[in-house]
């Protein structure tokens, strides 16, 4: 991953990955990277290829898919583990990102297993 090669961006990426459920903001990430907000945003976007919050959503959805495939957690639990306040909010975001609701994704994963 290109972002890990940049020491300042790597700090932010490690933070996002370590605390996926945290309510992250650009100022928090920029502060962790020791940069201004605008410099951080530009450098992160250039280096990683996604804006910081886009990256966070993509990472959260990847983790959610993994948790849903395992089939051991409720939607509320999955939502909480990846930083969503409710199953409803998570379901809406997941549906937009993945193209199907999380329940259907989980059933499709079970059927394919």
PDB file of N, CA and C in Angstrom:
ATOM      1  N   UNK A   1       0.837  -1.182   0.000  1.00  0.00           N
ATOM      2  CA  UNK A   1       0.000   0.000   0.000  1.00  0.00           C
ATOM      3  C   UNK A   1       0.880   1.243   0.000  1.00  0.00           C
ATOM      4  N   UNK A   2       0.607   2.116  -0.958  1.00  0.00           N
ATOM      5  CA  UNK A   2       1.424   3.326  -1.124  1.00  0.00           C
ATOM      6  C   UNK A   2       1.399   4.236   0.097  1.00  0.00           C
ATOM      7  N   UNK A   3       0.259   4.314   0.772  1.00  0.00           N
ATOM      8  CA  UNK A   3       0.143   5.208   1.918  1.00  0.00           C
ATOM      9  C   UNK A   3       1.091   4.866   3.046  1.00  0.00           C
ATOM     10  N   UNK A   4       1.414   3.598   3.201  1.00  0.00           N
ATOM     11  CA  UNK A   4       2.313   3.188   4.283  1.00  0.00           C
ATOM     12  C   UNK A   4       3.757   3.584   4.013  1.00  0.00           C
ATOM     13  N   UNK A   5       4.077   3.887   2.757  1.00  0.00           N
ATOM     14  CA  UNK A   5       5.434   4.324   2.417  1.00  0.00           C
ATOM     15  C   UNK A   5       5.668   5.779   2.817  1.00  0.00           C
ATOM     16  N   UNK A   6       4.611   6.517   3.042  1.00  0.00           N
ATOM     17  CA  UNK A   6       4.710   7.912   3.467  1.00  0.00           C
ATOM     18  C   UNK A   6       4.565   7.935   4.981  1.00  0.00           C
ATOM     19  N   UNK A   7       5.615   8.300   5.707  1.00  0.00           N
ATOM     20  CA  UNK A   7       5.574   8.211   7.176  1.00  0.00           C
ATOM     21  C   UNK A   7       4.411   8.967   7.828  1.00  0.00           C
ATOM     22  N   UNK A   8       4.082  10.136   7.306  1.00  0.00           N
ATOM     23  CA  UNK A   8       2.994  10.918   7.914  1.00  0.00           C
ATOM     24  C   UNK A   8       1.628  10.306   7.619  1.00  0.00           C
ATOM     25  N   UNK A   9       1.433   9.877   6.400  1.00  0.00           N
ATOM     26  CA  UNK A   9       0.161   9.263   6.027  1.00  0.00           C
ATOM     27  C   UNK A   9       0.028   7.903   6.712  1.00  0.00           C
ATOM     28  N   UNK A  10       1.130   7.209   6.868  1.00  0.00           N
ATOM     29  CA  UNK A  10       1.112   5.899   7.534  1.00  0.00           C
ATOM     30  C   UNK A  10       0.590   6.011   8.961  1.00  0.00           C
ATOM     31  N   UNK A  11       0.929   7.086   9.657  1.00  0.00           N
ATOM     32  CA  UNK A  11       0.429   7.288  11.025  1.00  0.00           C
ATOM     33  C   UNK A  11      -1.098   7.349  11.011  1.00  0.00           C
ATOM     34  N   UNK A  12      -1.639   8.103  10.076  1.00  0.00           N
ATOM     35  CA  UNK A  12      -3.099   8.226   9.975  1.00  0.00           C
ATOM     36  C   UNK A  12      -3.727   6.887   9.603  1.00  0.00           C
ATOM     37  N   UNK A  13      -3.143   6.184   8.654  1.00  0.00           N
ATOM     38  CA  UNK A  13      -3.687   4.885   8.240  1.00  0.00           C
ATOM     39  C   UNK A  13      -3.674   3.879   9.386  1.00  0.00           C
ATOM     40  N   UNK A  14      -2.581   3.847  10.129  1.00  0.00           N
ATOM     41  CA  UNK A  14      -2.526   2.927  11.274  1.00  0.00           C
ATOM     42  C   UNK A  14      -3.588   3.278  12.305  1.00  0.00           C
ATOM     43  N   UNK A  15      -3.814   4.571  12.511  1.00  0.00           N
ATOM     44  CA  UNK A  15      -4.865   4.995  13.437  1.00  0.00           C
ATOM     45  C   UNK A  15      -6.241   4.566  12.969  1.00  0.00           C
ATOM     46  N   UNK A  16      -6.532   4.765  11.684  1.00  0.00           N
ATOM     47  CA  UNK A  16      -7.824   4.361  11.128  1.00  0.00           C
ATOM     48  C   UNK A  16      -8.037   2.858  11.272  1.00  0.00           C
ATOM     49  N   UNK A  17      -6.998   2.097  10.997  1.00  0.00           N
ATOM     50  CA  UNK A  17      -7.120   0.640  11.067  1.00  0.00           C
ATOM     51  C   UNK A  17      -7.217   0.137  12.504  1.00  0.00           C
ATOM     52  N   UNK A  18      -6.521   0.789  13.404  1.00  0.00           N
ATOM     53  CA  UNK A  18      -6.523   0.353  14.808  1.00  0.00           C
ATOM     54  C   UNK A  18      -7.828   0.694  15.520  1.00  0.00           C
ATOM     55  N   UNK A  19      -8.479   1.760  15.098  1.00  0.00           N
ATOM     56  CA  UNK A  19      -9.707   2.208  15.775  1.00  0.00           C
ATOM     57  C   UNK A  19     -10.773   2.499  14.725  1.00  0.00           C
ATOM     58  N   UNK A  20     -11.179   1.458  14.030  1.00  0.00           N
ATOM     59  CA  UNK A  20     -12.147   1.598  12.936  1.00  0.00           C
ATOM     60  C   UNK A  20     -13.486   2.149  13.426  1.00  0.00           C
ATOM     61  N   UNK A  21     -13.798   1.927  14.687  1.00  0.00           N
ATOM     62  CA  UNK A  21     -15.086   2.361  15.235  1.00  0.00           C
ATOM     63  C   UNK A  21     -15.070   3.801  15.737  1.00  0.00           C
ATOM     64  N   UNK A  22     -13.927   4.444  15.714  1.00  0.00           N
ATOM     65  CA  UNK A  22     -13.810   5.820  16.207  1.00  0.00           C
ATOM     66  C   UNK A  22     -14.481   6.787  15.233  1.00  0.00           C
ATOM     67  N   UNK A  23     -15.036   7.844  15.757  1.00  0.00           N
ATOM     68  CA  UNK A  23     -15.674   8.880  14.945  1.00  0.00           C
ATOM     69  C   UNK A  23     -14.589   9.839  14.456  1.00  0.00           C
ATOM     70  N   UNK A  24     -13.857   9.431  13.428  1.00  0.00           N
ATOM     71  CA  UNK A  24     -12.704  10.180  12.930  1.00  0.00           C
ATOM     72  C   UNK A  24     -13.113  11.460  12.225  1.00  0.00           C
ATOM     73  N   UNK A  25     -12.249  12.468  12.338  1.00  0.00           N
ATOM     74  CA  UNK A  25     -12.420  13.711  11.591  1.00  0.00           C
ATOM     75  C   UNK A  25     -11.100  14.027  10.898  1.00  0.00           C
ATOM     76  N   UNK A  26     -11.161  14.866   9.884  1.00  0.00           N
ATOM     77  CA  UNK A  26      -9.947  15.296   9.188  1.00  0.00           C
ATOM     78  C   UNK A  26      -8.996  16.010  10.160  1.00  0.00           C
ATOM     79  N   UNK A  27      -9.493  16.916  11.018  1.00  0.00           N
ATOM     80  CA  UNK A  27      -8.565  17.560  11.954  1.00  0.00           C
ATOM     81  C   UNK A  27      -7.835  16.562  12.862  1.00  0.00           C
ATOM     82  N   UNK A  28      -8.514  15.522  13.318  1.00  0.00           N
ATOM     83  CA  UNK A  28      -7.854  14.509  14.157  1.00  0.00           C
ATOM     84  C   UNK A  28      -6.775  13.779  13.384  1.00  0.00           C
ATOM     85  N   UNK A  29      -7.084  13.383  12.163  1.00  0.00           N
ATOM     86  CA  UNK A  29      -6.110  12.663  11.343  1.00  0.00           C
ATOM     87  C   UNK A  29      -4.935  13.558  10.978  1.00  0.00           C
ATOM     88  N   UNK A  30      -5.214  14.809  10.625  1.00  0.00           N
ATOM     89  CA  UNK A  30      -4.148  15.753  10.286  1.00  0.00           C
ATOM     90  C   UNK A  30      -3.244  15.991  11.485  1.00  0.00           C
ATOM     91  N   UNK A  31      -3.846  16.119  12.655  1.00  0.00           N
ATOM     92  CA  UNK A  31      -3.061  16.316  13.874  1.00  0.00           C
ATOM     93  C   UNK A  31      -2.160  15.112  14.143  1.00  0.00           C
ATOM     94  N   UNK A  32      -2.708  13.910  13.979  1.00  0.00           N
ATOM     95  CA  UNK A  32      -1.913  12.700  14.184  1.00  0.00           C
ATOM     96  C   UNK A  32      -0.734  12.654  13.212  1.00  0.00           C
ATOM     97  N   UNK A  33      -0.955  13.147  11.998  1.00  0.00           N
ATOM     98  CA  UNK A  33       0.088  13.142  10.979  1.00  0.00           C
ATOM     99  C   UNK A  33       1.032  14.335  11.107  1.00  0.00           C
ATOM    100  N   UNK A  34       0.699  15.257  12.007  1.00  0.00           N
ATOM    101  CA  UNK A  34       1.538  16.442  12.196  1.00  0.00           C
ATOM    102  C   UNK A  34       1.481  17.398  11.009  1.00  0.00           C
ATOM    103  N   UNK A  35       0.289  17.537  10.442  1.00  0.00           N
ATOM    104  CA  UNK A  35       0.118  18.371   9.252  1.00  0.00           C
ATOM    105  C   UNK A  35      -1.104  19.260   9.403  1.00  0.00           C
ATOM    106  N   UNK A  36      -1.169  20.289   8.562  1.00  0.00           N
ATOM    107  CA  UNK A  36      -2.386  21.094   8.516  1.00  0.00           C
ATOM    108  C   UNK A  36      -3.482  20.249   7.861  1.00  0.00           C
ATOM    109  N   UNK A  37      -4.717  20.646   8.068  1.00  0.00           N
ATOM    110  CA  UNK A  37      -5.831  19.893   7.487  1.00  0.00           C
ATOM    111  C   UNK A  37      -5.754  19.838   5.968  1.00  0.00           C
ATOM    112  N   UNK A  38      -5.512  20.981   5.354  1.00  0.00           N
ATOM    113  CA  UNK A  38      -5.494  21.008   3.888  1.00  0.00           C
ATOM    114  C   UNK A  38      -4.303  20.237   3.328  1.00  0.00           C
ATOM    115  N   UNK A  39      -3.142  20.388   3.940  1.00  0.00           N
ATOM    116  CA  UNK A  39      -1.965  19.639   3.473  1.00  0.00           C
ATOM    117  C   UNK A  39      -2.177  18.138   3.654  1.00  0.00           C
ATOM    118  N   UNK A  40      -2.759  17.745   4.791  1.00  0.00           N
ATOM    119  CA  UNK A  40      -3.028  16.331   5.028  1.00  0.00           C
ATOM    120  C   UNK A  40      -4.014  15.790   3.999  1.00  0.00           C
ATOM    121  N   UNK A  41      -5.106  16.505   3.805  1.00  0.00           N
ATOM    122  CA  UNK A  41      -6.144  16.054   2.875  1.00  0.00           C
ATOM    123  C   UNK A  41      -5.559  15.852   1.478  1.00  0.00           C
ATOM    124  N   UNK A  42      -4.803  16.838   1.007  1.00  0.00           N
ATOM    125  CA  UNK A  42      -4.205  16.749  -0.325  1.00  0.00           C
ATOM    126  C   UNK A  42      -3.200  15.606  -0.423  1.00  0.00           C
ATOM    127  N   UNK A  43      -2.336  15.499   0.570  1.00  0.00           N
ATOM    128  CA  UNK A  43      -1.297  14.456   0.537  1.00  0.00           C
ATOM    129  C   UNK A  43      -1.908  13.065   0.659  1.00  0.00           C
ATOM    130  N   UNK A  44      -2.871  12.894   1.546  1.00  0.00           N
ATOM    131  CA  UNK A  44      -3.552  11.611   1.699  1.00  0.00           C
ATOM    132  C   UNK A  44      -4.220  11.220   0.387  1.00  0.00           C
ATOM    133  N   UNK A  45      -4.965  12.146  -0.198  1.00  0.00           N
ATOM    134  CA  UNK A  45      -5.692  11.873  -1.434  1.00  0.00           C
ATOM    135  C   UNK A  45      -4.747  11.497  -2.567  1.00  0.00           C
ATOM    136  N   UNK A  46      -3.658  12.229  -2.700  1.00  0.00           N
ATOM    137  CA  UNK A  46      -2.669  11.943  -3.741  1.00  0.00           C
ATOM    138  C   UNK A  46      -1.983  10.600  -3.510  1.00  0.00           C
ATOM    139  N   UNK A  47      -1.605  10.341  -2.270  1.00  0.00           N
ATOM    140  CA  UNK A  47      -0.828   9.142  -1.944  1.00  0.00           C
ATOM    141  C   UNK A  47      -1.677   7.879  -1.975  1.00  0.00           C
ATOM    142  N   UNK A  48      -2.853   7.934  -1.372  1.00  0.00           N
ATOM    143  CA  UNK A  48      -3.705   6.746  -1.228  1.00  0.00           C
ATOM    144  C   UNK A  48      -4.626   6.553  -2.439  1.00  0.00           C
ATOM    145  N   UNK A  49      -4.997   7.656  -3.078  1.00  0.00           N
ATOM    146  CA  UNK A  49      -5.886   7.557  -4.226  1.00  0.00           C
ATOM    147  C   UNK A  49      -7.353   7.732  -3.876  1.00  0.00           C
ATOM    148  N   UNK A  50      -7.632   7.945  -2.610  1.00  0.00           N
ATOM    149  CA  UNK A  50      -8.988   8.214  -2.124  1.00  0.00           C
ATOM    150  C   UNK A  50      -8.901   9.337  -1.098  1.00  0.00           C
ATOM    151  N   UNK A  51      -9.993  10.087  -0.969  1.00  0.00           N
ATOM    152  CA  UNK A  51     -10.049  11.073   0.115  1.00  0.00           C
ATOM    153  C   UNK A  51     -10.100  10.319   1.442  1.00  0.00           C
ATOM    154  N   UNK A  52      -9.639  10.922   2.530  1.00  0.00           N
ATOM    155  CA  UNK A  52      -9.565  10.202   3.813  1.00  0.00           C
ATOM    156  C   UNK A  52     -10.868   9.548   4.259  1.00  0.00           C
ATOM    157  N   UNK A  53     -11.987  10.245   4.171  1.00  0.00           N
ATOM    158  CA  UNK A  53     -13.246   9.670   4.635  1.00  0.00           C
ATOM    159  C   UNK A  53     -13.759   8.607   3.665  1.00  0.00           C
ATOM    160  N   UNK A  54     -13.431   8.753   2.389  1.00  0.00           N
ATOM    161  CA  UNK A  54     -13.750   7.693   1.420  1.00  0.00           C
ATOM    162  C   UNK A  54     -12.973   6.426   1.766  1.00  0.00           C
ATOM    163  N   UNK A  55     -11.694   6.616   2.091  1.00  0.00           N
ATOM    164  CA  UNK A  55     -10.864   5.467   2.463  1.00  0.00           C
ATOM    165  C   UNK A  55     -11.444   4.786   3.706  1.00  0.00           C
ATOM    166  N   UNK A  56     -11.807   5.606   4.704  1.00  0.00           N
ATOM    167  CA  UNK A  56     -12.352   5.044   5.938  1.00  0.00           C
ATOM    168  C   UNK A  56     -13.624   4.249   5.653  1.00  0.00           C
ATOM    169  N   UNK A  57     -14.508   4.788   4.833  1.00  0.00           N
ATOM    170  CA  UNK A  57     -15.743   4.067   4.499  1.00  0.00           C
ATOM    171  C   UNK A  57     -15.423   2.764   3.763  1.00  0.00           C
ATOM    172  N   UNK A  58     -14.498   2.814   2.827  1.00  0.00           N
ATOM    173  CA  UNK A  58     -14.114   1.609   2.081  1.00  0.00           C
ATOM    174  C   UNK A  58     -13.543   0.557   3.018  1.00  0.00           C
ATOM    175  N   UNK A  59     -12.702   0.981   3.960  1.00  0.00           N
ATOM    176  CA  UNK A  59     -12.124   0.055   4.932  1.00  0.00           C
ATOM    177  C   UNK A  59     -13.222  -0.524   5.823  1.00  0.00           C
ATOM    178  N   UNK A  60     -14.117   0.336   6.302  1.00  0.00           N
ATOM    179  CA  UNK A  60     -15.212  -0.141   7.148  1.00  0.00           C
ATOM    180  C   UNK A  60     -16.076  -1.166   6.411  1.00  0.00           C
ATOM    181  N   UNK A  61     -16.356  -0.929   5.155  1.00  0.00           N
ATOM    182  CA  UNK A  61     -17.193  -1.858   4.392  1.00  0.00           C
ATOM    183  C   UNK A  61     -16.460  -3.174   4.139  1.00  0.00           C
ATOM    184  N   UNK A  62     -15.161  -3.129   3.944  1.00  0.00           N
ATOM    185  CA  UNK A  62     -14.390  -4.366   3.775  1.00  0.00           C
ATOM    186  C   UNK A  62     -14.439  -5.200   5.053  1.00  0.00           C
ATOM    187  N   UNK A  63     -14.296  -4.545   6.188  1.00  0.00           N
ATOM    188  CA  UNK A  63     -14.376  -5.253   7.467  1.00  0.00           C
ATOM    189  C   UNK A  63     -15.795  -5.775   7.684  1.00  0.00           C
ATOM    190  N   UNK A  64     -16.787  -4.959   7.344  1.00  0.00           N
ATOM    191  CA  UNK A  64     -18.184  -5.389   7.495  1.00  0.00           C
ATOM    192  C   UNK A  64     -18.461  -6.632   6.657  1.00  0.00           C
ATOM    193  N   UNK A  65     -17.977  -6.655   5.425  1.00  0.00           N
ATOM    194  CA  UNK A  65     -18.169  -7.834   4.580  1.00  0.00           C
ATOM    195  C   UNK A  65     -17.582  -9.077   5.230  1.00  0.00           C
ATOM    196  N   UNK A  66     -16.409  -8.929   5.778  1.00  0.00           N
ATOM    197  CA  UNK A  66     -15.757 -10.056   6.442  1.00  0.00           C
ATOM    198  C   UNK A  66     -16.577 -10.528   7.646  1.00  0.00           C
ATOM    199  N   UNK A  67     -17.054  -9.593   8.442  1.00  0.00           N
ATOM    200  CA  UNK A  67     -17.864  -9.948   9.609  1.00  0.00           C
ATOM    201  C   UNK A  67     -19.184 -10.587   9.191  1.00  0.00           C
ATOM    202  N   UNK A  68     -19.788 -10.063   8.139  1.00  0.00           N
ATOM    203  CA  UNK A  68     -21.060 -10.619   7.657  1.00  0.00           C
ATOM    204  C   UNK A  68     -20.864 -12.018   7.084  1.00  0.00           C
ATOM    205  N   UNK A  69     -19.765 -12.233   6.373  1.00  0.00           N
ATOM    206  CA  UNK A  69     -19.489 -13.573   5.829  1.00  0.00           C
ATOM    207  C   UNK A  69     -19.346 -14.598   6.951  1.00  0.00           C
ATOM    208  N   UNK A  70     -18.752 -14.178   8.061  1.00  0.00           N
ATOM    209  CA  UNK A  70     -18.575 -15.089   9.197  1.00  0.00           C
ATOM    210  C   UNK A  70     -19.929 -15.465   9.788  1.00  0.00           C
ATOM    211  N   UNK A  71     -20.914 -14.564   9.697  1.00  0.00           N
ATOM    212  CA  UNK A  71     -22.280 -14.863  10.112  1.00  0.00           C
ATOM    213  C   UNK A  71     -22.488 -15.065  11.600  1.00  0.00           C
ATOM    214  N   UNK A  72     -21.607 -14.561  12.427  1.00  0.00           N
ATOM    215  CA  UNK A  72     -21.717 -14.788  13.869  1.00  0.00           C
ATOM    216  C   UNK A  72     -22.247 -13.589  14.648  1.00  0.00           C
ATOM    217  N   UNK A  73     -22.365 -12.441  13.986  1.00  0.00           N
ATOM    218  CA  UNK A  73     -22.784 -11.225  14.674  1.00  0.00           C
ATOM    219  C   UNK A  73     -24.089 -10.700  14.100  1.00  0.00           C
ATOM    220  N   UNK A  74     -24.852 -10.018  14.940  1.00  0.00           N
ATOM    221  CA  UNK A  74     -26.058  -9.345  14.470  1.00  0.00           C
ATOM    222  C   UNK A  74     -25.648  -8.090  13.693  1.00  0.00           C
ATOM    223  N   UNK A  75     -26.580  -7.530  12.943  1.00  0.00           N
ATOM    224  CA  UNK A  75     -26.289  -6.296  12.219  1.00  0.00           C
ATOM    225  C   UNK A  75     -25.936  -5.165  13.181  1.00  0.00           C
ATOM    226  N   UNK A  76     -26.592  -5.118  14.341  1.00  0.00           N
ATOM    227  CA  UNK A  76     -26.248  -4.110  15.347  1.00  0.00           C
ATOM    228  C   UNK A  76     -24.802  -4.251  15.791  1.00  0.00           C
ATOM    229  N   UNK A  77     -24.367  -5.491  16.008  1.00  0.00           N
ATOM    230  CA  UNK A  77     -22.992  -5.723  16.447  1.00  0.00           C
ATOM    231  C   UNK A  77     -21.989  -5.348  15.363  1.00  0.00           C
ATOM    232  N   UNK A  78     -22.278  -5.724  14.132  1.00  0.00           N
ATOM    233  CA  UNK A  78     -21.393  -5.366  13.021  1.00  0.00           C
ATOM    234  C   UNK A  78     -21.321  -3.845  12.910  1.00  0.00           C
ATOM    235  N   UNK A  79     -22.475  -3.195  12.942  1.00  0.00           N
ATOM    236  CA  UNK A  79     -22.519  -1.730  12.848  1.00  0.00           C
ATOM    237  C   UNK A  79     -21.660  -1.092  13.931  1.00  0.00           C
ATOM    238  N   UNK A  80     -21.807  -1.541  15.159  1.00  0.00           N
ATOM    239  CA  UNK A  80     -21.041  -0.974  16.264  1.00  0.00           C
ATOM    240  C   UNK A  80     -19.547  -1.208  16.126  1.00  0.00           C
ATOM    241  N   UNK A  81     -19.173  -2.373  15.661  1.00  0.00           N
ATOM    242  CA  UNK A  81     -17.747  -2.695  15.539  1.00  0.00           C
ATOM    243  C   UNK A  81     -17.035  -1.855  14.488  1.00  0.00           C
ATOM    244  N   UNK A  82     -17.782  -1.377  13.498  1.00  0.00           N
ATOM    245  CA  UNK A  82     -17.129  -0.590  12.459  1.00  0.00           C
ATOM    246  C   UNK A  82     -17.459   0.902  12.529  1.00  0.00           C
ATOM    247  N   UNK A  83     -18.090   1.322  13.614  1.00  0.00           N
ATOM    248  CA  UNK A  83     -18.262   2.750  13.849  1.00  0.00           C
ATOM    249  C   UNK A  83     -19.577   3.371  13.450  1.00  0.00           C
ATOM    250  N   UNK A  84     -20.607   2.560  13.251  1.00  0.00           N
ATOM    251  CA  UNK A  84     -21.930   3.109  12.949  1.00  0.00           C
ATOM    252  C   UNK A  84     -22.786   3.055  14.191  1.00  0.00           C
ATOM    253  N   UNK A  85     -23.564   4.099  14.421  1.00  0.00           N
ATOM    254  CA  UNK A  85     -24.371   4.200  15.621  1.00  0.00           C
ATOM    255  C   UNK A  85     -25.594   3.306  15.645  1.00  0.00           C
ATOM    256  N   UNK A  86     -26.026   2.857  14.467  1.00  0.00           N
ATOM    257  CA  UNK A  86     -27.209   2.009  14.425  1.00  0.00           C
ATOM    258  C   UNK A  86     -27.127   1.070  13.228  1.00  0.00           C
ATOM    259  N   UNK A  87     -27.889  -0.015  13.323  1.00  0.00           N
ATOM    260  CA  UNK A  87     -27.961  -0.958  12.213  1.00  0.00           C
ATOM    261  C   UNK A  87     -28.594  -0.302  10.997  1.00  0.00           C
ATOM    262  N   UNK A  88     -29.536   0.603  11.215  1.00  0.00           N
ATOM    263  CA  UNK A  88     -30.213   1.285  10.115  1.00  0.00           C
ATOM    264  C   UNK A  88     -29.237   2.155   9.318  1.00  0.00           C
ATOM    265  N   UNK A  89     -28.443   2.945  10.014  1.00  0.00           N
ATOM    266  CA  UNK A  89     -27.451   3.794   9.349  1.00  0.00           C
ATOM    267  C   UNK A  89     -26.428   2.941   8.615  1.00  0.00           C
ATOM    268  N   UNK A  90     -25.982   1.872   9.268  1.00  0.00           N
ATOM    269  CA  UNK A  90     -25.036   0.953   8.648  1.00  0.00           C
ATOM    270  C   UNK A  90     -25.649   0.317   7.403  1.00  0.00           C
ATOM    271  N   UNK A  91     -26.876  -0.141   7.511  1.00  0.00           N
ATOM    272  CA  UNK A  91     -27.534  -0.802   6.388  1.00  0.00           C
ATOM    273  C   UNK A  91     -27.633   0.115   5.175  1.00  0.00           C
ATOM    274  N   UNK A  92     -27.971   1.370   5.399  1.00  0.00           N
ATOM    275  CA  UNK A  92     -28.062   2.341   4.312  1.00  0.00           C
ATOM    276  C   UNK A  92     -26.696   2.538   3.659  1.00  0.00           C
ATOM    277  N   UNK A  93     -25.667   2.748   4.468  1.00  0.00           N
ATOM    278  CA  UNK A  93     -24.315   2.955   3.930  1.00  0.00           C
ATOM    279  C   UNK A  93     -23.823   1.706   3.207  1.00  0.00           C
ATOM    280  N   UNK A  94     -24.063   0.540   3.777  1.00  0.00           N
ATOM    281  CA  UNK A  94     -23.626  -0.715   3.166  1.00  0.00           C
ATOM    282  C   UNK A  94     -24.320  -0.915   1.820  1.00  0.00           C
ATOM    283  N   UNK A  95     -25.619  -0.684   1.788  1.00  0.00           N
ATOM    284  CA  UNK A  95     -26.381  -0.847   0.545  1.00  0.00           C
ATOM    285  C   UNK A  95     -25.860   0.068  -0.556  1.00  0.00           C
ATOM    286  N   UNK A  96     -25.556   1.300  -0.215  1.00  0.00           N
ATOM    287  CA  UNK A  96     -25.015   2.244  -1.195  1.00  0.00           C
ATOM    288  C   UNK A  96     -23.641   1.799  -1.684  1.00  0.00           C
ATOM    289  N   UNK A  97     -22.827   1.330  -0.763  1.00  0.00           N
ATOM    290  CA  UNK A  97     -21.440   0.979  -1.101  1.00  0.00           C
ATOM    291  C   UNK A  97     -21.344  -0.357  -1.837  1.00  0.00           C
ATOM    292  N   UNK A  98     -22.096  -1.340  -1.384  1.00  0.00           N
ATOM    293  CA  UNK A  98     -21.968  -2.707  -1.896  1.00  0.00           C
ATOM    294  C   UNK A  98     -23.001  -3.018  -2.983  1.00  0.00           C
ATOM    295  N   UNK A  99     -24.136  -2.331  -2.933  1.00  0.00           N
ATOM    296  CA  UNK A  99     -25.166  -2.576  -3.943  1.00  0.00           C
ATOM    297  C   UNK A  99     -26.254  -3.528  -3.492  1.00  0.00           C
ATOM    298  N   UNK A 100     -26.183  -3.953  -2.245  1.00  0.00           N
ATOM    299  CA  UNK A 100     -27.248  -4.793  -1.682  1.00  0.00           C
ATOM    300  C   UNK A 100     -27.235  -4.613  -0.168  1.00  0.00           C
ATOM    301  N   UNK A 101     -28.378  -4.843   0.478  1.00  0.00           N
ATOM    302  CA  UNK A 101     -28.439  -4.704   1.932  1.00  0.00           C
ATOM    303  C   UNK A 101     -27.556  -5.754   2.623  1.00  0.00           C
ATOM    304  N   UNK A 102     -27.090  -5.453   3.818  1.00  0.00           N
ATOM    305  CA  UNK A 102     -26.207  -6.397   4.514  1.00  0.00           C
ATOM    306  C   UNK A 102     -26.846  -7.754   4.790  1.00  0.00           C
ATOM    307  N   UNK A 103     -28.142  -7.786   5.072  1.00  0.00           N
ATOM    308  CA  UNK A 103     -28.812  -9.068   5.310  1.00  0.00           C
ATOM    309  C   UNK A 103     -28.759  -9.959   4.082  1.00  0.00           C
ATOM    310  N   UNK A 104     -29.017  -9.372   2.923  1.00  0.00           N
ATOM    311  CA  UNK A 104     -28.964 -10.142   1.684  1.00  0.00           C
ATOM    312  C   UNK A 104     -27.522 -10.581   1.388  1.00  0.00           C
ATOM    313  N   UNK A 105     -26.571  -9.687   1.645  1.00  0.00           N
ATOM    314  CA  UNK A 105     -25.154 -10.036   1.459  1.00  0.00           C
ATOM    315  C   UNK A 105     -24.788 -11.239   2.330  1.00  0.00           C
ATOM    316  N   UNK A 106     -25.247 -11.218   3.581  1.00  0.00           N
ATOM    317  CA  UNK A 106     -24.936 -12.304   4.516  1.00  0.00           C
ATOM    318  C   UNK A 106     -25.574 -13.616   4.030  1.00  0.00           C
ATOM    319  N   UNK A 107     -26.819 -13.558   3.599  1.00  0.00           N
ATOM    320  CA  UNK A 107     -27.484 -14.765   3.092  1.00  0.00           C
ATOM    321  C   UNK A 107     -26.789 -15.298   1.845  1.00  0.00           C
ATOM    322  N   UNK A 108     -26.378 -14.394   0.951  1.00  0.00           N
ATOM    323  CA  UNK A 108     -25.673 -14.818  -0.262  1.00  0.00           C
ATOM    324  C   UNK A 108     -24.329 -15.449   0.092  1.00  0.00           C
ATOM    325  N   UNK A 109     -23.666 -14.915   1.093  1.00  0.00           N
ATOM    326  CA  UNK A 109     -22.384 -15.483   1.525  1.00  0.00           C
ATOM    327  C   UNK A 109     -22.595 -16.879   2.121  1.00  0.00           C
ATOM    328  N   UNK A 110     -23.667 -17.037   2.890  1.00  0.00           N
ATOM    329  CA  UNK A 110     -23.978 -18.346   3.484  1.00  0.00           C
ATOM    330  C   UNK A 110     -24.313 -19.365   2.397  1.00  0.00           C
ATOM    331  N   UNK A 111     -25.060 -18.932   1.388  1.00  0.00           N
ATOM    332  CA  UNK A 111     -25.456 -19.842   0.308  1.00  0.00           C
ATOM    333  C   UNK A 111     -24.261 -20.272  -0.534  1.00  0.00           C
ATOM    334  N   UNK A 112     -23.288 -19.372  -0.651  1.00  0.00           N
ATOM    335  CA  UNK A 112     -22.102 -19.686  -1.436  1.00  0.00           C
ATOM    336  C   UNK A 112     -21.059 -20.488  -0.683  1.00  0.00           C
ATOM    337  N   UNK A 113     -21.245 -20.633   0.623  1.00  0.00           N
ATOM    338  CA  UNK A 113     -20.245 -21.324   1.444  1.00  0.00           C
ATOM    339  C   UNK A 113     -20.340 -22.808   1.350  1.00  0.00           C
TER     340      UNK A 113
END
